[in-house]
Amino acid sequence: MGRLITKCNDPTVLYVSGGNTQFIAYSQNRYRIFGETIDIAIGNCLDRFARVLKLSNDPSPGYNIEKMAEKGKKFLHLPYTVKGMDVSCSGILY
C-alpha cells in the first residue's frame, strides 16, 4: 500500500495496531524492522487515552482524538530525544 500511495519503490512504513507498532522498511531483499514499541503499542495507548477522555468509539477512538487535537492551541516542548528507533509509550497516560 505504501508503494501505491507514495510511488516510492521502498517506503518506510509505520505499522500501528492495538497490539503492535513497528517501523518497517524493505532493505537488501527483505523486510526489516528498524524499531518498535518496547511496551504498550501505540494503538492500544490511543484506545486507553480515548477511554480516559470518555471519547466515543464511533467511528474510531483514533479519529476522535485527531479531531480533538486539531482544536488544540498549546504545544508541549519535549526536552530530550531518544536515540534509536525503539520507543516506550507506557508513561504517557500516567
N, C-alpha and C. Protein backbone atom coordinates (compact mmCIF):
# COMPACT_ATOMS: atom_id res chain seq x y z
N MET A 1 0.82 -1.19 0.00
CA MET A 1 0.00 0.00 0.00
C MET A 1 0.87 1.26 0.00
N GLY A 2 1.97 1.23 0.77
CA GLY A 2 2.87 2.37 0.79
C GLY A 2 3.42 2.71 -0.58
N ARG A 3 3.70 1.69 -1.37
CA ARG A 3 4.21 1.92 -2.72
C ARG A 3 3.15 2.58 -3.60
N LEU A 4 1.90 2.15 -3.46
CA LEU A 4 0.82 2.71 -4.27
C LEU A 4 0.56 4.17 -3.92
N ILE A 5 0.57 4.48 -2.64
CA ILE A 5 0.24 5.84 -2.20
C ILE A 5 1.38 6.81 -2.48
N THR A 6 2.61 6.41 -2.16
CA THR A 6 3.75 7.33 -2.26
C THR A 6 4.50 7.27 -3.58
N LYS A 7 4.28 6.20 -4.35
CA LYS A 7 5.02 5.96 -5.59
C LYS A 7 6.50 5.69 -5.33
N CYS A 8 6.88 5.43 -4.08
CA CYS A 8 8.26 5.07 -3.74
C CYS A 8 8.48 3.58 -3.95
N ASN A 9 9.68 3.21 -4.34
CA ASN A 9 9.99 1.79 -4.51
C ASN A 9 10.07 1.06 -3.18
N ASP A 10 10.74 1.67 -2.20
CA ASP A 10 10.93 1.03 -0.90
C ASP A 10 10.59 2.00 0.23
N PRO A 11 9.30 2.26 0.46
CA PRO A 11 8.92 3.22 1.50
C PRO A 11 9.15 2.66 2.91
N THR A 12 9.38 3.55 3.84
CA THR A 12 9.39 3.18 5.26
C THR A 12 7.95 3.20 5.73
N VAL A 13 7.57 2.20 6.50
CA VAL A 13 6.18 2.04 6.92
C VAL A 13 6.09 2.07 8.43
N LEU A 14 5.11 2.79 8.95
CA LEU A 14 4.78 2.73 10.38
C LEU A 14 3.55 1.86 10.51
N TYR A 15 3.74 0.67 11.05
CA TYR A 15 2.64 -0.28 11.25
C TYR A 15 2.10 -0.06 12.66
N VAL A 16 0.83 0.35 12.75
CA VAL A 16 0.22 0.65 14.04
C VAL A 16 -1.05 -0.17 14.18
N SER A 17 -1.16 -0.89 15.27
CA SER A 17 -2.38 -1.62 15.59
C SER A 17 -2.56 -1.60 17.10
N GLY A 18 -3.61 -2.22 17.57
CA GLY A 18 -3.84 -2.28 19.01
C GLY A 18 -2.79 -3.07 19.75
N GLY A 19 -2.13 -4.00 19.07
CA GLY A 19 -1.17 -4.86 19.74
C GLY A 19 0.27 -4.70 19.29
N ASN A 20 0.50 -4.04 18.16
CA ASN A 20 1.87 -3.92 17.63
C ASN A 20 2.10 -2.53 17.05
N THR A 21 3.33 -2.08 17.14
CA THR A 21 3.78 -0.87 16.46
C THR A 21 5.20 -1.12 15.99
N GLN A 22 5.43 -0.97 14.69
CA GLN A 22 6.76 -1.25 14.15
C GLN A 22 7.10 -0.26 13.04
N PHE A 23 8.39 0.11 12.96
CA PHE A 23 8.92 0.89 11.85
C PHE A 23 9.57 -0.12 10.91
N ILE A 24 9.01 -0.30 9.72
CA ILE A 24 9.43 -1.36 8.81
C ILE A 24 9.86 -0.75 7.47
N ALA A 25 10.89 -1.33 6.88
CA ALA A 25 11.32 -0.93 5.54
C ALA A 25 11.84 -2.14 4.80
N TYR A 26 11.79 -2.07 3.48
CA TYR A 26 12.31 -3.13 2.63
C TYR A 26 13.75 -2.79 2.31
N SER A 27 14.67 -3.65 2.71
CA SER A 27 16.09 -3.38 2.51
C SER A 27 16.83 -4.68 2.25
N GLN A 28 17.68 -4.69 1.25
CA GLN A 28 18.50 -5.84 0.91
C GLN A 28 17.65 -7.11 0.72
N ASN A 29 16.61 -6.96 -0.09
CA ASN A 29 15.73 -8.07 -0.50
C ASN A 29 14.90 -8.68 0.62
N ARG A 30 14.67 -7.95 1.69
CA ARG A 30 13.77 -8.44 2.74
C ARG A 30 13.24 -7.27 3.56
N TYR A 31 12.14 -7.52 4.24
CA TYR A 31 11.58 -6.50 5.12
C TYR A 31 12.34 -6.54 6.44
N ARG A 32 12.66 -5.36 6.95
CA ARG A 32 13.40 -5.26 8.21
C ARG A 32 12.64 -4.38 9.18
N ILE A 33 12.64 -4.78 10.43
CA ILE A 33 12.05 -3.97 11.49
C ILE A 33 13.17 -3.10 12.05
N PHE A 34 13.02 -1.79 11.87
CA PHE A 34 14.05 -0.86 12.34
C PHE A 34 13.78 -0.38 13.76
N GLY A 35 12.57 -0.48 14.21
CA GLY A 35 12.23 -0.09 15.57
C GLY A 35 10.80 -0.49 15.88
N GLU A 36 10.50 -0.52 17.17
CA GLU A 36 9.15 -0.89 17.60
C GLU A 36 8.92 -0.37 19.01
N THR A 37 7.68 -0.44 19.46
CA THR A 37 7.41 -0.07 20.84
C THR A 37 7.90 -1.21 21.73
N ILE A 38 8.45 -0.85 22.87
CA ILE A 38 9.01 -1.86 23.75
C ILE A 38 8.08 -2.22 24.90
N ASP A 39 6.91 -1.59 24.96
CA ASP A 39 5.95 -1.94 26.00
C ASP A 39 4.53 -1.94 25.42
N ILE A 40 3.82 -0.85 25.52
CA ILE A 40 2.44 -0.76 25.03
C ILE A 40 2.44 -0.26 23.58
N ALA A 41 1.63 -0.86 22.74
CA ALA A 41 1.53 -0.44 21.34
C ALA A 41 0.83 0.91 21.24
N ILE A 42 1.16 1.67 20.20
CA ILE A 42 0.56 3.00 20.04
C ILE A 42 -0.95 2.91 19.89
N GLY A 43 -1.45 1.93 19.14
CA GLY A 43 -2.90 1.77 19.00
C GLY A 43 -3.58 1.51 20.33
N ASN A 44 -2.97 0.67 21.17
CA ASN A 44 -3.50 0.39 22.49
C ASN A 44 -3.46 1.64 23.36
N CYS A 45 -2.38 2.41 23.26
CA CYS A 45 -2.25 3.65 24.02
C CYS A 45 -3.34 4.65 23.61
N LEU A 46 -3.60 4.77 22.31
CA LEU A 46 -4.66 5.67 21.85
C LEU A 46 -6.03 5.22 22.34
N ASP A 47 -6.28 3.92 22.33
CA ASP A 47 -7.56 3.40 22.84
C ASP A 47 -7.73 3.74 24.31
N ARG A 48 -6.68 3.56 25.10
CA ARG A 48 -6.76 3.86 26.54
C ARG A 48 -6.95 5.36 26.77
N PHE A 49 -6.22 6.17 25.99
CA PHE A 49 -6.33 7.62 26.10
C PHE A 49 -7.76 8.07 25.81
N ALA A 50 -8.36 7.51 24.78
CA ALA A 50 -9.75 7.86 24.43
C ALA A 50 -10.70 7.48 25.56
N ARG A 51 -10.47 6.35 26.21
CA ARG A 51 -11.32 5.95 27.34
C ARG A 51 -11.17 6.92 28.51
N VAL A 52 -9.93 7.37 28.78
CA VAL A 52 -9.70 8.33 29.86
C VAL A 52 -10.47 9.62 29.59
N LEU A 53 -10.49 10.06 28.33
CA LEU A 53 -11.21 11.28 27.95
C LEU A 53 -12.69 11.06 27.70
N LYS A 54 -13.13 9.80 27.81
CA LYS A 54 -14.53 9.42 27.57
C LYS A 54 -14.97 9.80 26.15
N LEU A 55 -14.09 9.55 25.18
CA LEU A 55 -14.42 9.80 23.78
C LEU A 55 -15.15 8.60 23.20
N SER A 56 -15.97 8.85 22.23
CA SER A 56 -16.75 7.80 21.57
C SER A 56 -15.85 6.89 20.74
N ASN A 57 -16.29 5.65 20.57
CA ASN A 57 -15.61 4.71 19.67
C ASN A 57 -16.13 4.83 18.24
N ASP A 58 -17.07 5.73 18.00
CA ASP A 58 -17.67 5.88 16.68
C ASP A 58 -17.15 7.16 16.02
N PRO A 59 -16.49 7.14 14.91
CA PRO A 59 -16.16 5.99 14.09
C PRO A 59 -14.96 5.20 14.62
N SER A 60 -14.02 5.88 15.33
CA SER A 60 -12.91 5.18 15.97
C SER A 60 -12.28 6.11 17.00
N PRO A 61 -11.66 5.54 18.05
CA PRO A 61 -11.02 6.39 19.05
C PRO A 61 -9.93 7.28 18.45
N GLY A 62 -9.11 6.72 17.57
CA GLY A 62 -8.02 7.50 16.96
C GLY A 62 -8.53 8.69 16.16
N TYR A 63 -9.61 8.49 15.43
CA TYR A 63 -10.21 9.58 14.64
C TYR A 63 -10.69 10.69 15.57
N ASN A 64 -11.35 10.31 16.66
CA ASN A 64 -11.88 11.30 17.59
C ASN A 64 -10.76 12.05 18.31
N ILE A 65 -9.66 11.38 18.62
CA ILE A 65 -8.51 12.05 19.22
C ILE A 65 -7.93 13.05 18.22
N GLU A 66 -7.82 12.66 16.96
CA GLU A 66 -7.28 13.54 15.92
C GLU A 66 -8.14 14.79 15.77
N LYS A 67 -9.46 14.63 15.75
CA LYS A 67 -10.35 15.78 15.62
C LYS A 67 -10.22 16.71 16.82
N MET A 68 -10.06 16.14 18.00
CA MET A 68 -9.89 16.94 19.21
C MET A 68 -8.55 17.69 19.17
N ALA A 69 -7.50 17.02 18.68
CA ALA A 69 -6.17 17.63 18.60
C ALA A 69 -6.14 18.81 17.63
N GLU A 70 -6.93 18.75 16.57
CA GLU A 70 -6.97 19.84 15.60
C GLU A 70 -7.44 21.15 16.24
N LYS A 71 -8.19 21.06 17.31
CA LYS A 71 -8.70 22.25 18.00
C LYS A 71 -7.70 22.82 19.00
N GLY A 72 -6.64 22.07 19.30
CA GLY A 72 -5.66 22.48 20.30
C GLY A 72 -4.80 23.64 19.85
N LYS A 73 -4.38 24.45 20.81
CA LYS A 73 -3.53 25.61 20.54
C LYS A 73 -2.21 25.54 21.30
N LYS A 74 -2.13 24.69 22.32
CA LYS A 74 -0.95 24.63 23.18
C LYS A 74 -0.11 23.40 22.84
N PHE A 75 1.16 23.61 22.56
CA PHE A 75 2.07 22.52 22.25
C PHE A 75 3.06 22.34 23.39
N LEU A 76 3.42 21.11 23.66
CA LEU A 76 4.39 20.82 24.71
C LEU A 76 5.78 20.69 24.10
N HIS A 77 6.75 21.31 24.75
CA HIS A 77 8.14 21.14 24.34
C HIS A 77 8.65 19.86 24.97
N LEU A 78 9.18 18.96 24.15
CA LEU A 78 9.75 17.72 24.67
C LEU A 78 11.25 17.96 24.88
N PRO A 79 11.71 17.86 26.14
CA PRO A 79 13.06 18.32 26.48
C PRO A 79 14.21 17.38 26.11
N TYR A 80 13.93 16.23 25.58
CA TYR A 80 15.02 15.30 25.27
C TYR A 80 14.69 14.48 24.04
N THR A 81 15.69 13.85 23.50
CA THR A 81 15.49 12.97 22.36
C THR A 81 15.90 11.55 22.75
N VAL A 82 15.36 10.60 22.03
CA VAL A 82 15.67 9.20 22.27
C VAL A 82 16.54 8.71 21.13
N LYS A 83 17.62 8.05 21.45
CA LYS A 83 18.49 7.50 20.41
C LYS A 83 17.96 6.14 20.01
N GLY A 84 18.00 5.85 18.73
CA GLY A 84 17.48 4.59 18.23
C GLY A 84 16.04 4.75 17.79
N MET A 85 15.46 3.67 17.35
CA MET A 85 14.10 3.71 16.81
C MET A 85 13.06 3.10 17.74
N ASP A 86 13.48 2.42 18.81
CA ASP A 86 12.51 1.84 19.74
C ASP A 86 11.95 2.94 20.63
N VAL A 87 10.67 2.85 20.93
CA VAL A 87 10.02 3.85 21.78
C VAL A 87 9.24 3.17 22.89
N SER A 88 9.05 3.91 23.97
CA SER A 88 8.26 3.43 25.10
C SER A 88 7.08 4.37 25.27
N CYS A 89 5.89 3.82 25.34
CA CYS A 89 4.68 4.64 25.48
C CYS A 89 4.00 4.44 26.84
N SER A 90 4.58 3.63 27.72
CA SER A 90 3.89 3.25 28.95
C SER A 90 3.64 4.41 29.89
N GLY A 91 4.47 5.44 29.90
CA GLY A 91 4.30 6.54 30.83
C GLY A 91 3.45 7.69 30.32
N ILE A 92 2.95 7.60 29.12
CA ILE A 92 2.20 8.71 28.53
C ILE A 92 0.92 9.02 29.29
N LEU A 93 0.23 8.01 29.77
CA LEU A 93 -1.08 8.22 30.39
C LEU A 93 -1.02 8.42 31.90
N TYR A 94 0.17 8.40 32.48
CA TYR A 94 0.25 8.48 33.94
C TYR A 94 0.93 9.72 34.41
